[in-house]
Amino acid sequence: MKTIDLRSDTVTKPTPSMRKAMAEAEVGDDVYGEDPTINRLQDMSAERLGKEAGLFVASGTMGNLVAVLAHCNRGDEVIMGDKAHTFLFEGGGVSALGGVSMHTLPNQADGTIPLDAIQGAVRAKGNPHFPLSRLVILENTHNRCGGVPITLEYEQQVSQIARQNDLAMHLDGARLFNASAALGVSAAELAAPFDSVTFCLSKGLCAPVGSVVCGSNEFIQKALRVRKQVGGGMRQAGILAAAGIVALQEMTERLSEDHTRAHHLAQGLQQIKGLQLYLQPSIMTNMVFIALDEDVPWTPNQVVERLGEYGVKVGATGPRHFRLVTHYWITDEDIDHTIEAFKKVL
């Protein structure tokens, strides 16, 4: 029986063309800056995002950590949403390793943070009682707000506040290309308001490992030193970067297919008694959050276990909630099978 894994787009495996590129990759010692495949990936990534330079890192979490530590000093403060991935799911690394405190503000349903809240969170300068406000982080798409894309207009409004207060801007763009596909705006345009951007190759883009941090030449030199400090210097890692190059060439333009399948999945699940959409009234990218009605006598873990009997894997994300994520390896037939499996289970 085929397994239909909808827990995340992180479960994607490399495509046949990626495996071929990895097998044939020209490599060198990247710590010396001599891996040509990594250098090519970094240059391609920077060009796609409209930045001067890029830096290959092992993961999105490492990318965000490296960016924060390159922007901030110990004792500085970063402003972000209370549902931000950096706050919730990155082990508190910016605080544990960098001595940087996180000033969290409530995310609204659409993934944004109220502009007046951001302005109000900026610490008064010159007061020794306060940490120094140094950086604002936004997330696009926003995972815990339903995979919603954040508009360019909002990014620009936050950027204006940041510039007025001498703050840097970082974008956790783990699924930036999903946001680009959903909004019909280029990744470079969505990255433009930010001093640094991290995007993942290993989620919907199907590469097995890696993310890229992009920014100015000066910023990337700082980030390179931080990457070394956190153990991120790799040697003949062009084998991994080769898959990332294929991801940029072949995978970024097809993400709307995942979004369409997520929309169909949500439509089908909404028709099942006992289920309702959760977080977002409509599906804009590749994430579907659903909730069990109160009268359903099953826990999410019980539902997950029973779905497994039909070869379907989904993630339980709360006391009554699930997340399902479409990706390259999910077909139209898989969507139909998943809907039928939910019907049988409930």
Protein backbone atom coordinates (compact mmCIF):
# COMPACT_ATOMS: atom_id res chain seq x y z
CA MET A 1 0.00 0.00 0.00
CA LYS A 2 1.31 3.42 -0.95
CA THR A 3 1.98 5.86 1.89
CA ILE A 4 0.53 9.34 1.36
CA ASP A 5 2.57 11.58 3.63
CA LEU A 6 0.87 14.93 4.25
CA ARG A 7 2.57 15.74 7.55
CA SER A 8 4.80 18.36 5.95
CA ASP A 9 6.56 19.34 2.74
CA THR A 10 9.79 18.54 4.59
CA VAL A 11 9.15 14.84 3.83
CA THR A 12 9.84 15.42 0.12
CA LYS A 13 12.55 13.31 -1.46
CA PRO A 14 14.90 14.49 -4.22
CA THR A 15 13.64 14.12 -7.78
CA PRO A 16 15.40 11.90 -10.34
CA SER A 17 17.03 14.95 -11.93
CA MET A 18 18.30 16.03 -8.51
CA ARG A 19 19.81 12.60 -7.86
CA LYS A 20 21.56 12.71 -11.23
CA ALA A 21 22.90 16.21 -10.55
CA MET A 22 24.13 15.15 -7.12
CA ALA A 23 25.94 12.12 -8.56
CA GLU A 24 27.67 14.27 -11.18
CA ALA A 25 28.35 17.35 -9.04
CA GLU A 26 31.74 19.02 -9.27
CA VAL A 27 32.96 19.60 -5.72
CA GLY A 28 35.71 21.27 -3.73
CA ASP A 29 36.39 22.41 -0.18
CA ASP A 30 33.72 24.99 0.61
CA VAL A 31 35.43 26.17 3.80
CA TYR A 32 38.16 27.39 1.44
CA GLY A 33 35.43 28.79 -0.83
CA GLU A 34 36.48 26.29 -3.51
CA ASP A 35 33.32 24.27 -4.10
CA PRO A 36 32.11 25.45 -7.52
CA THR A 37 28.65 23.96 -7.16
CA ILE A 38 28.02 25.69 -3.85
CA ASN A 39 29.34 28.95 -5.29
CA ARG A 40 26.96 28.60 -8.22
CA LEU A 41 23.99 27.91 -5.95
CA GLN A 42 24.82 30.92 -3.78
CA ASP A 43 25.12 33.19 -6.80
CA MET A 44 21.88 31.88 -8.32
CA SER A 45 20.03 32.34 -5.03
CA ALA A 46 21.24 35.91 -4.59
CA GLU A 47 20.26 36.77 -8.15
CA ARG A 48 16.77 35.26 -7.73
CA LEU A 49 16.22 37.32 -4.57
CA GLY A 50 17.79 40.53 -5.87
CA LYS A 51 20.58 40.49 -3.28
CA GLU A 52 24.35 40.81 -3.64
CA ALA A 53 25.39 37.48 -2.15
CA GLY A 54 24.18 34.19 -0.70
CA LEU A 55 25.36 31.65 1.86
CA PHE A 56 24.47 27.95 1.84
CA VAL A 57 23.51 26.62 5.29
CA ALA A 58 22.36 23.26 6.59
CA SER A 59 18.80 24.24 7.49
CA GLY A 60 16.28 27.05 7.76
CA THR A 61 16.80 27.14 11.50
CA MET A 62 20.53 27.61 10.99
CA GLY A 63 19.82 30.27 8.40
CA ASN A 64 17.65 32.29 10.75
CA LEU A 65 20.12 31.83 13.61
CA VAL A 66 23.07 32.93 11.50
CA ALA A 67 21.15 35.96 10.24
CA VAL A 68 20.10 37.11 13.72
CA LEU A 69 23.61 36.70 15.12
CA ALA A 70 25.07 38.58 12.15
CA HIS A 71 22.67 41.48 12.72
CA CYS A 72 22.71 41.58 16.54
CA ASN A 73 25.03 41.78 19.52
CA ARG A 74 24.53 40.12 22.90
CA GLY A 75 21.87 42.00 24.84
CA ASP A 76 20.08 43.23 21.73
CA GLU A 77 16.40 42.58 21.12
CA VAL A 78 14.55 41.20 18.10
CA ILE A 79 10.88 42.03 17.39
CA MET A 80 8.78 39.20 15.93
CA GLY A 81 5.34 37.60 16.08
CA ASP A 82 4.33 35.26 18.88
CA LYS A 83 3.62 32.57 16.27
CA ALA A 84 6.94 33.06 14.49
CA HIS A 85 8.90 29.91 13.69
CA THR A 86 12.02 31.48 15.19
CA PHE A 87 10.21 31.92 18.49
CA LEU A 88 8.29 28.63 18.61
CA PHE A 89 10.35 26.00 16.84
CA GLU A 90 14.05 26.87 16.77
CA GLY A 91 15.07 25.85 20.26
CA GLY A 92 15.47 29.41 21.50
CA GLY A 93 18.78 29.43 19.65
CA VAL A 94 19.06 33.19 19.18
CA SER A 95 18.86 33.58 22.97
CA ALA A 96 20.78 30.48 24.01
CA LEU A 97 23.66 31.00 21.59
CA GLY A 98 23.56 34.71 20.87
CA GLY A 99 22.25 36.33 24.04
CA VAL A 100 19.55 38.00 21.94
CA SER A 101 16.15 38.47 23.54
CA MET A 102 12.91 37.99 21.61
CA HIS A 103 10.19 40.63 21.93
CA THR A 104 7.08 38.86 20.68
CA LEU A 105 3.91 40.59 19.53
CA PRO A 106 0.54 38.93 18.73
CA ASN A 107 0.22 37.70 15.17
CA GLN A 108 -3.11 38.49 13.56
CA ALA A 109 -5.07 35.82 11.66
CA ASP A 110 -3.49 36.89 8.37
CA GLY A 111 0.03 36.40 9.75
CA THR A 112 0.76 40.10 10.15
CA ILE A 113 1.63 42.02 13.30
CA PRO A 114 -0.25 45.31 13.88
CA LEU A 115 1.89 48.17 12.68
CA ASP A 116 1.26 50.23 15.79
CA ALA A 117 2.38 47.29 17.92
CA ILE A 118 5.68 47.12 16.05
CA GLN A 119 6.20 50.85 16.46
CA GLY A 120 5.33 50.59 20.15
CA ALA A 121 7.76 47.74 20.69
CA VAL A 122 10.79 49.79 19.64
CA ARG A 123 12.78 50.65 22.76
CA ALA A 124 13.63 54.25 23.56
CA LYS A 125 17.26 54.91 22.73
CA GLY A 126 19.72 55.96 25.38
CA ASN A 127 17.85 54.41 28.30
CA PRO A 128 20.19 51.94 30.07
CA HIS A 129 17.22 50.02 31.50
CA PHE A 130 16.22 48.67 28.07
CA PRO A 131 17.79 46.24 25.63
CA LEU A 132 18.60 47.72 22.24
CA SER A 133 15.99 47.14 19.54
CA ARG A 134 18.02 45.89 16.60
CA LEU A 135 15.95 43.76 14.21
CA VAL A 136 12.43 42.95 12.98
CA ILE A 137 11.66 39.45 11.69
CA LEU A 138 8.70 38.59 9.46
CA GLU A 139 7.74 35.15 8.15
CA ASN A 140 6.45 34.48 4.63
CA THR A 141 4.53 32.25 4.16
CA HIS A 142 3.40 32.17 7.77
CA ASN A 143 3.29 28.59 8.95
CA ARG A 144 1.29 28.82 12.18
CA CYS A 145 -1.22 31.26 10.71
CA GLY A 146 -2.36 28.71 8.14
CA GLY A 147 0.37 28.98 5.54
CA VAL A 148 -0.87 32.44 4.57
CA PRO A 149 1.30 34.60 2.28
CA ILE A 150 2.21 38.09 3.55
CA THR A 151 1.64 40.87 1.03
CA LEU A 152 4.38 43.08 -0.36
CA GLU A 153 2.42 46.16 0.76
CA TYR A 154 2.53 45.02 4.38
CA GLU A 155 6.23 44.19 4.17
CA GLN A 156 6.91 47.69 2.86
CA GLN A 157 4.89 49.26 5.68
CA VAL A 158 6.92 47.37 8.29
CA SER A 159 10.12 48.28 6.48
CA GLN A 160 9.22 51.95 6.70
CA ILE A 161 8.83 51.65 10.49
CA ALA A 162 12.14 49.79 10.71
CA ARG A 163 14.02 52.39 8.69
CA GLN A 164 12.60 55.23 10.74
CA ASN A 165 13.96 53.54 13.86
CA ASP A 166 17.32 52.32 12.49
CA LEU A 167 16.27 48.67 12.68
CA ALA A 168 17.37 45.93 10.31
CA MET A 169 14.83 43.62 8.66
CA HIS A 170 15.10 39.82 8.27
CA LEU A 171 12.68 37.58 6.39
CA ASP A 172 12.17 33.98 7.41
CA GLY A 173 11.20 32.99 3.88
CA ALA A 174 11.29 29.23 4.39
CA ARG A 175 8.44 28.99 1.86
CA LEU A 176 9.08 32.30 0.10
CA PHE A 177 8.51 30.79 -3.34
CA ASN A 178 5.09 29.53 -2.22
CA ALA A 179 4.25 33.10 -1.24
CA SER A 180 5.50 34.30 -4.61
CA ALA A 181 3.32 31.79 -6.47
CA ALA A 182 0.24 32.62 -4.38
CA LEU A 183 0.57 36.39 -4.68
CA GLY A 184 1.81 36.57 -8.24
CA VAL A 185 4.77 38.65 -7.04
CA SER A 186 8.38 37.70 -7.70
CA ALA A 187 10.53 36.40 -4.87
CA ALA A 188 12.90 39.31 -5.46
CA GLU A 189 10.09 41.82 -4.93
CA LEU A 190 9.02 40.10 -1.71
CA ALA A 191 12.65 40.06 -0.54
CA ALA A 192 13.37 43.68 -1.45
CA PRO A 193 12.25 45.32 1.86
CA PHE A 194 14.63 43.12 3.86
CA ASP A 195 18.32 43.32 4.70
CA SER A 196 18.52 39.53 4.83
CA VAL A 197 16.39 36.61 3.71
CA THR A 198 16.49 32.88 4.43
CA PHE A 199 14.70 30.41 2.16
CA CYS A 200 14.56 26.62 2.31
CA LEU A 201 15.48 24.25 -0.49
CA SER A 202 14.32 21.17 1.41
CA LYS A 203 10.58 21.84 1.76
CA GLY A 204 8.36 22.29 -1.28
CA LEU A 205 11.42 22.61 -3.52
CA CYS A 206 12.29 18.94 -2.85
CA ALA A 207 16.05 19.19 -2.25
CA PRO A 208 17.21 16.79 0.48
CA VAL A 209 19.13 19.30 2.62
CA GLY A 210 19.79 22.98 2.91
CA SER A 211 18.73 26.60 2.93
CA VAL A 212 20.30 29.79 1.61
CA VAL A 213 20.73 33.12 3.41
CA CYS A 214 20.92 36.15 1.11
CA GLY A 215 21.87 39.77 1.71
CA SER A 216 24.55 42.35 1.00
CA ASN A 217 28.18 41.36 0.53
CA GLU A 218 29.03 42.90 3.91
CA PHE A 219 26.22 41.05 5.67
CA ILE A 220 27.14 37.69 4.11
CA GLN A 221 30.74 38.08 5.28
CA LYS A 222 29.43 38.47 8.84
CA ALA A 223 27.06 35.54 8.34
CA LEU A 224 29.92 33.39 7.05
CA ARG A 225 31.84 33.91 10.27
CA VAL A 226 28.77 33.08 12.37
CA ARG A 227 28.10 29.95 10.29
CA LYS A 228 31.62 28.79 11.15
CA GLN A 229 31.04 29.51 14.84
CA VAL A 230 27.89 27.37 14.98
CA GLY A 231 29.57 24.48 13.18
CA GLY A 232 28.05 25.07 9.76
CA GLY A 233 31.21 25.01 7.68
CA MET A 234 30.94 22.05 5.28
CA ARG A 235 33.53 20.63 2.93
CA GLN A 236 32.55 18.93 -0.36
CA ALA A 237 28.92 19.91 0.10
CA GLY A 238 28.43 20.63 -3.59
CA ILE A 239 26.73 17.23 -3.72
CA LEU A 240 23.93 18.84 -1.68
CA ALA A 241 24.05 22.17 -3.47
CA ALA A 242 23.57 20.43 -6.82
CA ALA A 243 20.07 19.41 -5.76
CA GLY A 244 19.42 22.99 -4.68
CA ILE A 245 20.33 24.26 -8.13
CA VAL A 246 17.83 21.87 -9.71
CA ALA A 247 15.27 23.03 -7.14
CA LEU A 248 15.65 26.64 -8.25
CA GLN A 249 15.60 25.70 -11.92
CA GLU A 250 12.73 23.22 -11.93
CA MET A 251 10.64 23.38 -8.77
CA THR A 252 9.84 27.03 -8.06
CA GLU A 253 7.54 27.44 -11.05
CA ARG A 254 5.31 24.45 -10.26
CA LEU A 255 4.29 25.30 -6.67
CA SER A 256 0.86 26.51 -7.76
CA GLU A 257 0.06 22.84 -8.49
CA ASP A 258 0.54 22.09 -4.79
CA HIS A 259 -1.70 25.04 -3.91
CA THR A 260 -4.45 23.79 -6.23
CA ARG A 261 -4.32 20.33 -4.67
CA ALA A 262 -4.45 21.83 -1.18
CA HIS A 263 -7.55 23.78 -2.21
CA HIS A 264 -9.24 20.62 -3.51
CA LEU A 265 -8.27 18.75 -0.35
CA ALA A 266 -9.80 21.46 1.83
CA GLN A 267 -12.99 21.46 -0.24
CA GLY A 268 -13.35 17.71 0.15
CA LEU A 269 -12.62 17.64 3.87
CA GLN A 270 -15.11 20.43 4.54
CA GLN A 271 -17.87 18.20 3.19
CA ILE A 272 -17.21 15.55 5.83
CA LYS A 273 -19.37 15.72 8.92
CA GLY A 274 -17.23 16.43 11.96
CA LEU A 275 -14.53 18.45 10.19
CA GLN A 276 -14.10 22.17 9.62
CA LEU A 277 -11.38 24.43 8.30
CA TYR A 278 -9.24 25.94 11.03
CA LEU A 279 -7.19 29.19 11.01
CA GLN A 280 -7.91 30.26 7.41
CA PRO A 281 -11.33 30.48 5.70
CA SER A 282 -9.68 29.76 2.33
CA ILE A 283 -6.54 27.98 1.20
CA MET A 284 -3.91 30.18 -0.43
CA THR A 285 -0.80 27.99 -0.42
CA ASN A 286 0.00 24.34 0.31
CA MET A 287 -1.23 24.04 3.90
CA VAL A 288 -4.62 22.86 5.12
CA PHE A 289 -5.47 23.19 8.81
CA ILE A 290 -8.60 21.36 9.93
CA ALA A 291 -10.32 20.84 13.28
CA LEU A 292 -12.58 18.18 14.74
CA ASP A 293 -16.04 19.29 15.79
CA GLU A 294 -16.70 19.05 19.52
CA ASP A 295 -19.11 16.15 19.08
CA VAL A 296 -16.51 13.92 17.38
CA PRO A 297 -15.60 11.24 19.96
CA TRP A 298 -12.02 10.85 18.73
CA THR A 299 -8.81 12.56 19.72
CA PRO A 300 -6.51 13.79 16.93
CA ASN A 301 -3.98 11.08 17.79
CA GLN A 302 -6.66 8.42 17.42
CA VAL A 303 -7.65 9.83 14.06
CA VAL A 304 -3.99 9.92 12.98
CA GLU A 305 -3.57 6.28 13.99
CA ARG A 306 -6.67 5.16 12.12
CA LEU A 307 -5.74 7.14 9.00
CA GLY A 308 -2.46 5.25 9.04
CA GLU A 309 -4.41 2.06 8.38
CA TYR A 310 -5.36 3.58 5.02
CA GLY A 311 -1.79 4.66 4.25
CA VAL A 312 -2.38 8.34 5.06
CA LYS A 313 -0.08 10.32 7.35
CA VAL A 314 -1.17 13.70 8.76
CA GLY A 315 0.13 15.82 11.63
CA ALA A 316 -1.81 16.52 14.83
CA THR A 317 -1.10 20.13 15.82
CA GLY A 318 -3.39 20.69 18.80
CA PRO A 319 -6.10 19.21 21.04
CA ARG A 320 -8.55 19.09 18.09
CA HIS A 321 -6.44 20.16 15.14
CA PHE A 322 -4.49 18.79 12.17
CA ARG A 323 -2.17 20.16 9.51
CA LEU A 324 -1.97 18.64 6.04
CA VAL A 325 0.65 19.87 3.57
CA THR A 326 0.71 19.15 -0.15
CA HIS A 327 3.94 18.85 -2.14
CA TYR A 328 5.55 17.48 -5.29
CA TRP A 329 4.99 13.83 -4.37
CA ILE A 330 1.23 14.22 -3.72
CA THR A 331 -0.99 13.48 -6.73
CA ASP A 332 -4.64 14.20 -7.52
CA GLU A 333 -5.39 10.55 -6.76
CA ASP A 334 -3.70 10.91 -3.36
CA ILE A 335 -5.99 13.83 -2.55
CA ASP A 336 -9.08 11.77 -3.41
CA HIS A 337 -7.79 8.82 -1.38
CA THR A 338 -7.12 11.06 1.63
CA ILE A 339 -10.63 12.50 1.54
CA GLU A 340 -12.11 8.99 1.37
CA ALA A 341 -9.88 7.84 4.24
CA PHE A 342 -11.15 10.67 6.45
CA LYS A 343 -14.73 9.73 5.58
CA LYS A 344 -14.13 6.12 6.61
CA VAL A 345 -12.34 7.06 9.84
CA LEU A 346 -14.97 9.57 10.98
